């Protein structure tokens, strides 16, 4: 239960950070680049790959512990 609470809090923090990135590209925070859509797509892809990596790592460790 304790571990799951921190996992959900971490996921909420990541999603809120992703929302801030998207809002900054929409003109709310100023700045901007030459191709903000590409930047948003790369951030979303990087976030997804990082999430897949973390889930795969946890799954591998649980699978390995069940075998021993």
N, C-alpha and C. Protein backbone atom coordinates (compact mmCIF):
# COMPACT_ATOMS: atom_id res chain seq x y z
N UNK A 1 0.82 -1.20 0.00
CA UNK A 1 0.00 0.00 0.00
C UNK A 1 0.87 1.26 0.00
N UNK A 2 1.91 1.23 0.82
CA UNK A 2 2.80 2.38 0.94
C UNK A 2 3.50 2.68 -0.38
N UNK A 3 3.98 1.61 -1.04
CA UNK A 3 4.68 1.78 -2.31
C UNK A 3 3.74 2.31 -3.39
N UNK A 4 2.52 1.81 -3.42
CA UNK A 4 1.56 2.24 -4.43
C UNK A 4 1.21 3.72 -4.27
N UNK A 5 1.16 4.22 -3.06
CA UNK A 5 0.86 5.63 -2.83
C UNK A 5 1.94 6.50 -3.45
N UNK A 6 3.19 6.13 -3.24
CA UNK A 6 4.28 6.91 -3.82
C UNK A 6 4.32 6.79 -5.34
N UNK A 7 3.93 5.63 -5.88
CA UNK A 7 3.89 5.49 -7.33
C UNK A 7 2.84 6.42 -7.93
N UNK A 8 1.68 6.51 -7.30
CA UNK A 8 0.64 7.41 -7.80
C UNK A 8 1.03 8.87 -7.64
N UNK A 9 1.68 9.21 -6.54
CA UNK A 9 2.15 10.59 -6.37
C UNK A 9 3.20 10.95 -7.41
N UNK A 10 4.10 10.02 -7.69
CA UNK A 10 5.10 10.26 -8.72
C UNK A 10 4.49 10.41 -10.10
N UNK A 11 3.48 9.60 -10.39
CA UNK A 11 2.80 9.71 -11.68
C UNK A 11 2.08 11.05 -11.79
N UNK A 12 1.45 11.49 -10.73
CA UNK A 12 0.76 12.78 -10.74
C UNK A 12 1.75 13.92 -10.94
N UNK A 13 2.90 13.82 -10.32
CA UNK A 13 3.93 14.85 -10.50
C UNK A 13 4.42 14.90 -11.94
N UNK A 14 4.61 13.73 -12.56
CA UNK A 14 5.06 13.69 -13.95
C UNK A 14 4.02 14.26 -14.90
N UNK A 15 2.76 13.94 -14.66
CA UNK A 15 1.69 14.45 -15.53
C UNK A 15 1.56 15.96 -15.37
N UNK A 16 1.70 16.46 -14.15
CA UNK A 16 1.62 17.91 -13.96
C UNK A 16 2.79 18.62 -14.64
N UNK A 17 3.98 18.03 -14.61
CA UNK A 17 5.11 18.60 -15.32
C UNK A 17 4.90 18.61 -16.83
N UNK A 18 4.30 17.53 -17.34
CA UNK A 18 3.99 17.46 -18.77
C UNK A 18 2.97 18.53 -19.14
N UNK A 19 2.00 18.77 -18.29
CA UNK A 19 1.01 19.83 -18.55
C UNK A 19 1.68 21.20 -18.58
N UNK A 20 2.63 21.42 -17.69
CA UNK A 20 3.35 22.70 -17.69
C UNK A 20 4.15 22.90 -18.97
N UNK A 21 4.73 21.83 -19.48
CA UNK A 21 5.48 21.93 -20.75
C UNK A 21 4.52 22.28 -21.88
N UNK A 22 3.38 21.62 -21.93
CA UNK A 22 2.42 21.90 -22.99
C UNK A 22 1.86 23.31 -22.89
N UNK A 23 1.61 23.79 -21.67
CA UNK A 23 1.11 25.15 -21.49
C UNK A 23 2.16 26.19 -21.89
N UNK A 24 3.42 25.90 -21.62
CA UNK A 24 4.45 26.87 -21.97
C UNK A 24 4.58 27.01 -23.49
N UNK A 25 4.34 25.94 -24.22
CA UNK A 25 4.41 26.00 -25.68
C UNK A 25 3.17 26.62 -26.29
N UNK A 26 2.08 26.64 -25.55
CA UNK A 26 0.86 27.22 -26.11
C UNK A 26 0.83 28.74 -26.00
N UNK A 27 1.84 29.33 -25.42
CA UNK A 27 1.93 30.78 -25.35
C UNK A 27 1.59 31.35 -23.99
N UNK A 28 1.19 30.50 -23.05
CA UNK A 28 0.85 30.99 -21.72
C UNK A 28 2.09 31.49 -21.00
N UNK A 29 3.20 30.77 -21.15
CA UNK A 29 4.42 31.13 -20.43
C UNK A 29 5.40 31.93 -21.26
N UNK A 30 5.06 32.24 -22.48
CA UNK A 30 5.97 33.00 -23.34
C UNK A 30 7.00 32.10 -23.99
N UNK A 31 8.06 32.68 -24.48
CA UNK A 31 9.13 31.91 -25.10
C UNK A 31 8.71 31.37 -26.46
N UNK A 32 8.84 30.08 -26.61
CA UNK A 32 8.46 29.44 -27.86
C UNK A 32 9.68 29.12 -28.68
N UNK A 33 9.53 28.18 -29.57
CA UNK A 33 10.63 27.78 -30.42
C UNK A 33 10.20 27.78 -31.87
N UNK A 34 11.05 27.23 -32.72
CA UNK A 34 10.74 27.20 -34.14
C UNK A 34 9.71 26.14 -34.48
N UNK A 35 9.68 25.04 -33.72
CA UNK A 35 8.73 23.97 -33.98
C UNK A 35 8.23 23.39 -32.66
N UNK A 36 7.30 24.06 -32.00
CA UNK A 36 6.85 23.60 -30.68
C UNK A 36 6.11 22.26 -30.70
N UNK A 37 5.46 21.93 -31.82
CA UNK A 37 4.75 20.66 -31.89
C UNK A 37 5.73 19.49 -31.85
N UNK A 38 6.83 19.62 -32.56
CA UNK A 38 7.87 18.59 -32.52
C UNK A 38 8.44 18.47 -31.11
N UNK A 39 8.66 19.58 -30.47
CA UNK A 39 9.17 19.55 -29.10
C UNK A 39 8.20 18.85 -28.16
N UNK A 40 6.91 19.15 -28.28
CA UNK A 40 5.91 18.48 -27.45
C UNK A 40 5.88 16.98 -27.72
N UNK A 41 5.96 16.60 -28.99
CA UNK A 41 5.94 15.18 -29.35
C UNK A 41 7.15 14.46 -28.78
N UNK A 42 8.32 15.10 -28.81
CA UNK A 42 9.52 14.48 -28.26
C UNK A 42 9.43 14.34 -26.73
N UNK A 43 8.86 15.34 -26.08
CA UNK A 43 8.69 15.26 -24.63
C UNK A 43 7.73 14.14 -24.26
N UNK A 44 6.61 14.04 -24.98
CA UNK A 44 5.64 12.98 -24.71
C UNK A 44 6.26 11.61 -24.98
N UNK A 45 6.99 11.46 -26.08
CA UNK A 45 7.64 10.19 -26.40
C UNK A 45 8.68 9.83 -25.33
N UNK A 46 9.46 10.80 -24.92
CA UNK A 46 10.45 10.54 -23.87
C UNK A 46 9.80 10.13 -22.56
N UNK A 47 8.70 10.77 -22.21
CA UNK A 47 7.99 10.42 -20.99
C UNK A 47 7.43 9.00 -21.07
N UNK A 48 6.88 8.65 -22.22
CA UNK A 48 6.34 7.30 -22.39
C UNK A 48 7.44 6.25 -22.32
N UNK A 49 8.57 6.49 -22.98
CA UNK A 49 9.67 5.53 -22.93
C UNK A 49 10.23 5.39 -21.52
N UNK A 50 10.28 6.50 -20.78
CA UNK A 50 10.75 6.44 -19.40
C UNK A 50 9.79 5.63 -18.54
N UNK A 51 8.49 5.82 -18.76
CA UNK A 51 7.49 5.06 -18.01
C UNK A 51 7.58 3.57 -18.35
N UNK A 52 7.71 3.24 -19.64
CA UNK A 52 7.85 1.84 -20.04
C UNK A 52 9.09 1.21 -19.42
N UNK A 53 10.16 1.98 -19.35
CA UNK A 53 11.40 1.49 -18.75
C UNK A 53 11.20 1.18 -17.27
N UNK A 54 10.55 2.08 -16.56
CA UNK A 54 10.33 1.87 -15.12
C UNK A 54 9.41 0.68 -14.87
N UNK A 55 8.33 0.59 -15.62
CA UNK A 55 7.40 -0.53 -15.44
C UNK A 55 8.09 -1.84 -15.80
N UNK A 56 8.87 -1.84 -16.86
CA UNK A 56 9.60 -3.05 -17.24
C UNK A 56 10.61 -3.47 -16.19
N UNK A 57 11.27 -2.50 -15.59
CA UNK A 57 12.24 -2.81 -14.55
C UNK A 57 11.57 -3.43 -13.33
N UNK A 58 10.46 -2.87 -12.92
CA UNK A 58 9.73 -3.41 -11.77
C UNK A 58 9.22 -4.81 -12.10
N UNK A 59 8.67 -4.98 -13.30
CA UNK A 59 8.18 -6.29 -13.70
C UNK A 59 9.29 -7.33 -13.77
N UNK A 60 10.45 -6.93 -14.26
CA UNK A 60 11.59 -7.85 -14.32
C UNK A 60 12.02 -8.28 -12.93
N UNK A 61 12.09 -7.33 -12.00
CA UNK A 61 12.51 -7.67 -10.64
C UNK A 61 11.50 -8.57 -9.96
N UNK A 62 10.22 -8.32 -10.16
CA UNK A 62 9.20 -9.18 -9.55
C UNK A 62 9.24 -10.57 -10.18
N UNK A 63 9.42 -10.64 -11.50
CA UNK A 63 9.49 -11.94 -12.16
C UNK A 63 10.72 -12.72 -11.71
N UNK A 64 11.83 -12.02 -11.56
CA UNK A 64 13.06 -12.66 -11.14
C UNK A 64 12.94 -13.17 -9.70
N UNK A 65 12.30 -12.41 -8.83
CA UNK A 65 12.14 -12.83 -7.43
C UNK A 65 11.19 -14.01 -7.33
N UNK A 66 10.21 -14.12 -8.23
CA UNK A 66 9.30 -15.26 -8.18
C UNK A 66 9.99 -16.55 -8.61
N UNK A 67 10.97 -16.44 -9.49
CA UNK A 67 11.66 -17.62 -9.98
C UNK A 67 12.60 -18.20 -8.93
N UNK A 68 13.10 -17.39 -8.03
CA UNK A 68 14.09 -17.87 -7.04
C UNK A 68 13.43 -18.29 -5.78
